[in-house]
Protein backbone atom coordinates (compact mmCIF):
# COMPACT_ATOMS: atom_id res chain seq x y z
CA MET A 1 0.00 0.00 0.00
CA LYS A 2 1.59 3.26 -1.16
CA ILE A 3 0.61 6.38 0.75
CA LEU A 4 1.40 9.99 -0.08
CA GLY A 5 2.13 11.89 3.13
CA ILE A 6 1.77 15.68 3.27
CA GLU A 7 3.16 17.80 6.13
CA SER A 8 2.80 21.57 6.62
CA SER A 9 2.19 22.10 10.33
CA CYS A 10 4.86 24.75 10.89
CA ASP A 11 7.75 25.90 8.69
CA GLU A 12 8.50 22.89 6.50
CA THR A 13 6.50 22.01 3.42
CA ALA A 14 7.03 18.28 2.88
CA ALA A 15 5.72 15.29 0.97
CA SER A 16 6.81 11.67 0.68
CA VAL A 17 5.59 8.36 -0.67
CA VAL A 18 5.93 5.43 1.75
CA GLU A 19 4.96 1.83 1.06
CA ASP A 20 3.47 -0.40 3.78
CA GLY A 21 4.60 1.97 6.51
CA ARG A 22 8.27 1.04 6.13
CA ILE A 23 9.65 1.51 2.58
CA LEU A 24 10.55 5.08 1.65
CA HIS A 25 10.07 5.91 -2.03
CA SER A 26 10.61 9.67 -1.97
CA PHE A 27 11.57 12.39 0.47
CA VAL A 28 10.99 16.07 -0.32
CA VAL A 29 11.25 18.89 2.22
CA GLN A 30 11.16 22.60 1.47
CA THR A 31 12.35 24.36 4.62
CA GLN A 32 11.69 27.97 5.61
CA ILE A 33 14.59 28.30 8.06
CA ASP A 34 16.36 30.98 6.02
CA ILE A 35 13.13 32.99 5.79
CA HIS A 36 12.45 32.98 9.54
CA LYS A 37 16.07 33.23 10.70
CA GLN A 38 16.02 37.01 10.39
CA TYR A 39 13.11 37.15 12.86
CA GLY A 40 14.63 34.72 15.37
CA GLY A 41 11.63 32.40 15.11
CA VAL A 42 8.69 31.34 12.98
CA VAL A 43 6.28 34.07 11.88
CA PRO A 44 2.92 32.29 11.32
CA GLU A 45 1.64 34.52 8.52
CA VAL A 46 4.90 34.29 6.61
CA ALA A 47 4.95 30.52 7.07
CA ALA A 48 1.45 30.10 5.64
CA ARG A 49 2.22 32.21 2.58
CA SER A 50 5.41 30.25 1.94
CA HIS A 51 3.49 26.96 2.11
CA ILE A 52 1.05 28.24 -0.51
CA GLU A 53 3.91 29.02 -2.89
CA VAL A 54 5.53 25.57 -2.77
CA ILE A 55 2.92 22.99 -1.73
CA ASN A 56 2.05 21.84 -5.25
CA PRO A 57 5.65 21.65 -6.54
CA VAL A 58 6.69 19.70 -3.42
CA ILE A 59 3.89 17.15 -3.88
CA ASN A 60 4.63 16.78 -7.59
CA GLN A 61 8.33 16.29 -6.87
CA ALA A 62 7.55 13.60 -4.29
CA LEU A 63 5.50 11.69 -6.86
CA THR A 64 8.17 12.12 -9.53
CA GLU A 65 11.00 10.94 -7.28
CA ALA A 66 8.92 7.93 -6.27
CA GLY A 67 8.33 7.07 -9.92
CA CYS A 68 4.60 7.17 -9.25
CA ASP A 69 1.54 8.57 -10.93
CA TRP A 70 -1.82 8.86 -9.20
CA ASP A 71 -2.83 5.35 -10.21
CA ASP A 72 0.01 4.06 -8.02
CA ILE A 73 -1.10 5.97 -4.89
CA ASP A 74 -3.53 4.07 -2.65
CA ALA A 75 -4.27 6.83 -0.12
CA ILE A 76 -3.32 10.30 1.11
CA ALA A 77 -2.30 11.11 4.69
CA VAL A 78 -2.06 14.70 5.89
CA THR A 79 -1.23 16.53 9.11
CA TYR A 80 -4.40 18.08 10.52
CA ALA A 81 -3.20 18.71 14.11
CA PRO A 82 -1.48 20.26 15.98
CA GLY A 83 0.35 23.22 14.47
CA LEU A 84 -0.03 26.74 13.14
CA ILE A 85 -3.57 27.15 11.84
CA GLY A 86 -2.59 28.88 8.60
CA SER A 87 0.09 26.31 7.83
CA LEU A 88 -2.24 23.40 8.61
CA LEU A 89 -4.94 24.85 6.37
CA VAL A 90 -2.63 24.94 3.36
CA GLY A 91 -1.62 21.29 3.65
CA THR A 92 -5.08 19.96 4.42
CA LEU A 93 -6.69 21.97 1.63
CA ALA A 94 -4.18 20.54 -0.84
CA ALA A 95 -4.75 17.00 0.45
CA ARG A 96 -8.54 17.34 0.45
CA THR A 97 -8.54 18.68 -3.09
CA LEU A 98 -6.28 15.91 -4.36
CA ALA A 99 -8.36 13.26 -2.58
CA ILE A 100 -11.49 14.55 -4.31
CA ILE A 101 -9.94 14.93 -7.77
CA HIS A 102 -8.16 11.57 -7.77
CA ARG A 103 -10.74 9.70 -5.63
CA LYS A 104 -8.25 8.62 -2.98
CA PRO A 105 -8.99 7.75 0.66
CA LEU A 106 -7.89 10.53 3.01
CA TYR A 107 -6.50 9.98 6.52
CA PRO A 108 -5.93 12.84 9.00
CA ILE A 109 -2.72 12.44 10.99
CA HIS A 110 -1.65 13.80 14.37
CA HIS A 111 1.72 15.45 13.86
CA VAL A 112 3.25 14.57 17.23
CA GLU A 113 2.25 10.91 17.03
CA ALA A 114 3.63 10.81 13.50
CA HIS A 115 7.11 11.81 14.66
CA VAL A 116 7.37 8.40 16.35
CA TYR A 117 6.72 6.65 13.04
CA ALA A 118 9.91 7.95 11.45
CA ASN A 119 11.42 5.06 13.43
CA PHE A 120 9.25 2.52 11.59
CA ILE A 121 10.82 3.29 8.19
CA THR A 122 13.49 0.65 7.66
CA GLU A 123 14.01 0.55 3.89
CA LYS A 124 14.34 2.83 0.91
CA ARG A 125 13.56 2.26 -2.72
CA GLU A 126 16.69 1.55 -4.70
CA SER A 127 17.02 4.52 -6.99
CA GLY A 128 19.27 7.33 -8.04
CA VAL A 129 17.23 9.91 -6.14
CA ASN A 130 19.68 12.15 -4.27
CA SER A 131 17.35 12.74 -1.32
CA LEU A 132 17.44 9.02 -0.47
CA SER A 133 21.09 8.22 -1.11
CA ASN A 134 22.48 9.33 2.25
CA LEU A 135 19.74 7.96 4.52
CA SER A 136 20.62 5.07 6.83
CA PHE A 137 17.70 3.36 8.57
CA PRO A 138 17.24 1.09 11.59
CA SER A 139 17.69 -2.60 10.81
CA LYS A 140 14.20 -3.46 12.07
CA GLN A 141 11.03 -1.80 13.29
CA PRO A 142 10.50 -1.14 17.01
CA THR A 143 8.51 -3.72 18.98
CA PHE A 144 5.70 -3.21 21.48
CA PRO A 145 5.45 -2.22 24.25
CA MET A 146 7.50 0.76 23.08
CA LEU A 147 8.59 3.82 25.05
CA ALA A 148 8.80 6.99 22.96
CA LEU A 149 10.50 10.24 23.92
CA ILE A 150 9.06 12.91 21.63
CA VAL A 151 11.07 16.13 21.75
CA SER A 152 10.69 19.08 19.40
CA GLY A 153 10.19 22.82 19.34
CA ASN A 154 6.71 22.66 20.82
CA HIS A 155 6.49 19.22 22.40
CA SER A 156 8.26 17.23 25.10
CA ASN A 157 6.33 14.00 25.70
CA LEU A 158 6.97 10.57 27.16
CA VAL A 159 4.56 8.06 25.66
CA LEU A 160 4.09 4.34 26.20
CA PHE A 161 2.81 2.58 23.07
CA ARG A 162 1.19 -0.82 23.62
CA ASN A 163 0.35 -1.14 19.93
CA HIS A 164 -0.39 1.02 16.92
CA GLY A 165 -2.94 3.59 18.02
CA ASP A 166 -2.93 2.27 21.60
CA TYR A 167 -0.80 4.50 23.76
CA GLU A 168 -0.64 6.24 27.14
CA LEU A 169 0.77 9.72 27.60
CA LEU A 170 2.99 9.35 30.67
CA GLY A 171 4.25 12.92 30.80
CA GLN A 172 4.47 16.15 28.88
CA THR A 173 5.89 19.64 29.12
CA GLN A 174 4.27 21.98 31.63
CA ASP A 175 5.66 25.13 30.03
CA ASP A 176 8.49 25.49 27.51
CA ALA A 177 9.22 22.42 25.40
CA VAL A 178 12.88 21.49 25.17
CA GLY A 179 13.24 22.68 21.57
CA GLU A 180 11.67 26.01 22.47
CA ALA A 181 14.12 26.33 25.38
CA PHE A 182 17.04 25.68 23.00
CA ASP A 183 15.79 28.47 20.73
CA LYS A 184 15.37 30.96 23.59
CA VAL A 185 18.73 30.18 25.16
CA ALA A 186 20.46 30.50 21.80
CA LYS A 187 18.98 33.98 21.49
CA ILE A 188 20.15 34.93 24.99
CA ILE A 189 23.77 33.94 24.31
CA GLY A 190 23.88 35.21 20.74
CA LEU A 191 23.63 32.05 18.64
CA PRO A 192 21.55 31.83 15.45
CA TYR A 193 18.10 30.31 14.98
CA PRO A 194 17.26 27.43 15.12
CA GLY A 195 18.76 27.03 18.56
CA GLY A 196 19.14 23.25 18.71
CA PRO A 197 21.82 22.84 16.01
CA SER A 198 23.62 26.08 16.90
CA ILE A 199 23.88 25.22 20.61
CA ALA A 200 24.99 21.67 19.82
CA LYS A 201 27.74 23.03 17.58
CA ALA A 202 28.91 25.66 20.07
CA ALA A 203 28.83 23.12 22.91
CA LEU A 204 31.56 21.09 21.22
CA ASP A 205 34.06 23.81 22.19
CA GLY A 206 32.64 24.42 25.68
CA ASP A 207 32.93 23.01 29.21
CA PRO A 208 29.63 21.31 30.13
CA GLN A 209 30.55 21.51 33.85
CA LYS A 210 31.36 25.21 33.85
CA TYR A 211 27.95 26.36 35.08
CA THR A 212 25.62 24.48 37.42
CA LEU A 213 22.01 24.86 36.29
CA PRO A 214 18.87 23.49 38.00
CA LYS A 215 16.57 20.65 37.00
CA ALA A 216 12.86 21.05 37.67
CA ARG A 217 11.23 18.78 40.24
CA LEU A 218 7.60 18.01 39.44
CA ASP A 219 4.87 15.95 41.11
CA ASN A 220 4.60 13.75 38.02
CA PRO A 221 8.12 12.33 37.53
CA TYR A 222 7.52 12.01 33.78
CA ASN A 223 6.48 15.63 33.18
CA PHE A 224 8.91 18.20 31.83
CA SER A 225 9.57 21.85 32.62
CA PHE A 226 12.30 23.91 30.97
CA SER A 227 11.16 27.44 31.75
CA GLY A 228 13.09 27.51 35.04
CA LEU A 229 16.23 26.21 33.37
CA LYS A 230 16.00 28.91 30.72
CA THR A 231 15.53 31.63 33.36
CA ALA A 232 18.39 30.26 35.47
CA LEU A 233 20.70 30.48 32.48
CA LEU A 234 19.55 34.04 31.80
CA ARG A 235 20.32 35.07 35.40
CA THR A 236 23.72 33.36 35.21
CA VAL A 237 24.59 35.19 32.00
CA GLN A 238 23.52 38.49 33.57
CA ARG A 239 25.75 37.86 36.62
CA GLU A 240 28.64 36.72 34.43
CA THR A 241 28.52 40.01 32.54
CA GLY A 242 28.26 42.08 35.74
CA HIS A 243 24.58 42.97 35.63
CA ASP A 244 21.45 42.21 37.63
CA TYR A 245 18.11 40.78 36.57
CA THR A 246 16.91 44.13 35.19
CA PHE A 247 19.50 44.16 32.40
CA PRO A 248 17.79 43.53 29.02
CA SER A 249 18.40 40.03 27.64
CA HIS A 250 18.71 41.27 24.05
CA GLU A 251 21.83 43.24 24.99
CA LEU A 252 23.65 40.28 26.54
CA PRO A 253 25.08 38.61 23.40
CA ARG A 254 27.45 41.49 22.64
CA LEU A 255 28.93 41.20 26.14
CA LEU A 256 29.92 37.53 25.81
CA ASN A 257 33.11 36.26 24.23
CA ASP A 258 33.29 33.01 22.27
CA VAL A 259 34.63 31.01 25.23
CA GLN A 260 31.79 32.12 27.51
CA ARG A 261 29.25 31.48 24.77
CA ALA A 262 30.53 27.94 24.23
CA ASN A 263 30.55 27.21 27.97
CA PHE A 264 26.99 28.42 28.39
CA ALA A 265 25.90 26.34 25.39
CA ALA A 266 27.61 23.22 26.75
CA SER A 267 26.28 23.68 30.29
CA PHE A 268 22.72 24.28 29.12
CA GLN A 269 22.79 21.35 26.71
CA ARG A 270 24.15 19.01 29.39
CA THR A 271 21.40 19.94 31.86
CA ALA A 272 18.59 19.82 29.30
CA ILE A 273 19.70 16.46 27.88
CA GLU A 274 20.25 14.96 31.33
CA THR A 275 16.68 15.98 32.22
CA LEU A 276 15.32 14.14 29.18
CA VAL A 277 17.43 11.05 29.81
CA ASP A 278 16.70 10.95 33.56
CA LYS A 279 12.97 10.79 32.94
CA THR A 280 13.27 8.33 30.06
CA GLU A 281 15.44 6.05 32.19
CA ARG A 282 12.91 6.16 35.03
CA ALA A 283 10.04 5.34 32.68
CA PHE A 284 12.07 2.47 31.26
CA ARG A 285 12.59 1.03 34.74
CA ASP A 286 8.93 1.47 35.68
CA TYR A 287 7.34 0.06 32.50
CA THR A 288 10.04 -2.28 31.09
CA PRO A 289 9.31 -1.70 27.38
CA THR A 290 10.90 -3.96 24.77
CA SER A 291 12.02 -0.99 22.66
CA VAL A 292 12.78 2.71 23.06
CA VAL A 293 12.64 5.37 20.35
CA ILE A 294 13.22 9.11 20.26
CA ALA A 295 11.41 11.40 17.86
CA GLY A 296 11.11 15.06 16.90
CA GLY A 297 13.69 17.64 15.93
CA VAL A 298 15.69 17.38 19.16
CA ALA A 299 16.06 13.64 18.49
CA ALA A 300 18.79 14.64 16.03
CA ASN A 301 20.92 15.86 18.94
CA GLN A 302 23.99 13.64 19.13
CA GLU A 303 24.50 14.17 22.87
CA LEU A 304 20.95 12.94 23.53
CA ARG A 305 21.61 9.83 21.45
CA ARG A 306 24.92 9.23 23.20
CA GLN A 307 23.51 9.56 26.70
CA LEU A 308 20.47 7.37 26.03
CA SER A 309 22.58 4.61 24.52
CA LYS A 310 24.92 4.79 27.50
CA ARG A 311 22.28 4.72 30.23
CA LEU A 312 19.63 2.34 28.91
CA PRO A 313 20.35 -1.41 28.98
CA ILE A 314 19.00 -2.10 25.49
CA ILE A 315 20.17 -1.37 21.98
CA ILE A 316 18.52 1.72 20.52
CA GLU A 317 18.42 2.18 16.76
CA TYR A 318 17.88 5.77 15.73
CA ALA A 319 16.04 7.13 12.71
CA PRO A 320 18.09 9.19 10.23
CA MET A 321 18.54 12.74 11.46
CA GLN A 322 16.75 14.02 8.33
CA LEU A 323 13.61 12.17 9.45
CA CYS A 324 13.68 13.69 12.95
CA THR A 325 12.57 17.13 11.79
CA ASP A 326 9.14 17.66 10.20
CA ASN A 327 8.70 15.60 7.03
CA GLY A 328 6.11 13.83 4.92
CA ALA A 329 7.59 10.36 5.39
CA MET A 330 6.53 10.14 9.03
CA ILE A 331 3.01 11.25 8.04
CA ALA A 332 2.77 8.59 5.33
CA ALA A 333 4.21 5.89 7.60
CA LEU A 334 1.64 6.53 10.34
CA GLY A 335 -1.03 6.87 7.66
CA TYR A 336 -0.49 3.23 6.70
CA TYR A 337 -1.19 2.00 10.24
CA VAL A 338 -4.15 4.34 10.68
CA ALA A 339 -5.61 2.95 7.45
CA GLN A 340 -5.50 -0.57 8.93
CA LYS A 341 -7.72 0.47 11.83
CA LYS A 342 -9.91 3.38 10.75
CA ASN A 343 -12.10 4.45 7.88
CA PRO A 344 -11.00 7.42 5.76
CA VAL A 345 -12.57 10.81 6.40
CA ASP A 346 -14.81 12.78 4.09
CA PRO A 347 -12.48 15.29 2.38
CA TYR A 348 -15.31 17.80 2.29
CA GLU A 349 -15.56 17.77 6.10
CA LEU A 350 -11.97 17.55 7.38
CA GLU A 351 -11.04 20.45 9.66
CA VAL A 352 -7.74 21.36 11.28
CA VAL A 353 -7.28 21.33 15.07
CA PRO A 354 -4.27 23.55 15.90
CA SER A 355 -4.04 22.70 19.62
CA LEU A 356 -5.00 19.01 19.72
CA SER A 357 -3.00 17.03 22.27
CA MET A 358 -2.11 13.35 21.97
CA THR A 359 -4.62 12.56 24.71
CA LYS A 360 -7.50 13.75 22.56
CA THR A 361 -6.79 12.26 19.15
CA ALA A 362 -9.88 11.11 17.32
């Protein structure tokens, strides 16, 4: 079963064709990072307009790279929640229109749940397509029960999957998600957007033990909170530069030298990653899953992968870093498993749900 997956929840316009939830036939992502970099974050209106400009070419390229025409596509899967409302509307409108024109079943996909399914792609179509040539996949699919750490710009979740579509949300962020904290800290210390890659790069030259930063203690041991960590780093930077809490954060970067910047990056990354791994390790001990996966943009962080592999007593196979950020392959992969359990939706009635949590998926 070949499914076309369409993703446009934030600032990537993406489409892929995936067969049987595991074989990748094409991988096309049009990112808006360069557009939003000048603003230090995603501007929703700009993102939506950019999606409109490229959604059709991206879909057509995904079909071309897969060597498919519409007769070869069995269904369409599209992100309908959560995300920026304007961005979601562009992707779902394209998917609904194509489903009507080509008479294809349409499956709405929850973006956060879909991130997990990047780990279920284990093969790629043998072809000369450049976007597939450098992707290296896990040797086998995860098994259930499966513990998933989902970490991205807007989400930090620990989820126990008992089967496809059968999961329990153990914990989630109570304020800033870890990816959001990376972005904000990068801005404080004068590193470019997006914060995750820039902090990881700067941290390579820094001392992760230079600054002691706090970890939040919450009633639910699986919940996350990174707002306090971000504020603690801000106060430490202010003290380091000889100022108190009233000094404007946007003026701090010019007062830091490269050594200080690298040390702050390394210290923050160590604390944030240890927080993620501590909670994942505890959940592993409490629920004894047979497999563990990480998903979302922060899953590309090499320090997170290193620490998890070191501290958990099982072998973890990671998805390619390219599949950790938003993409159509994860949407198509989950779409296959949704299609095994649910009926398609009426394309005339599908609506987006920008703030839908994993606990309320339909």
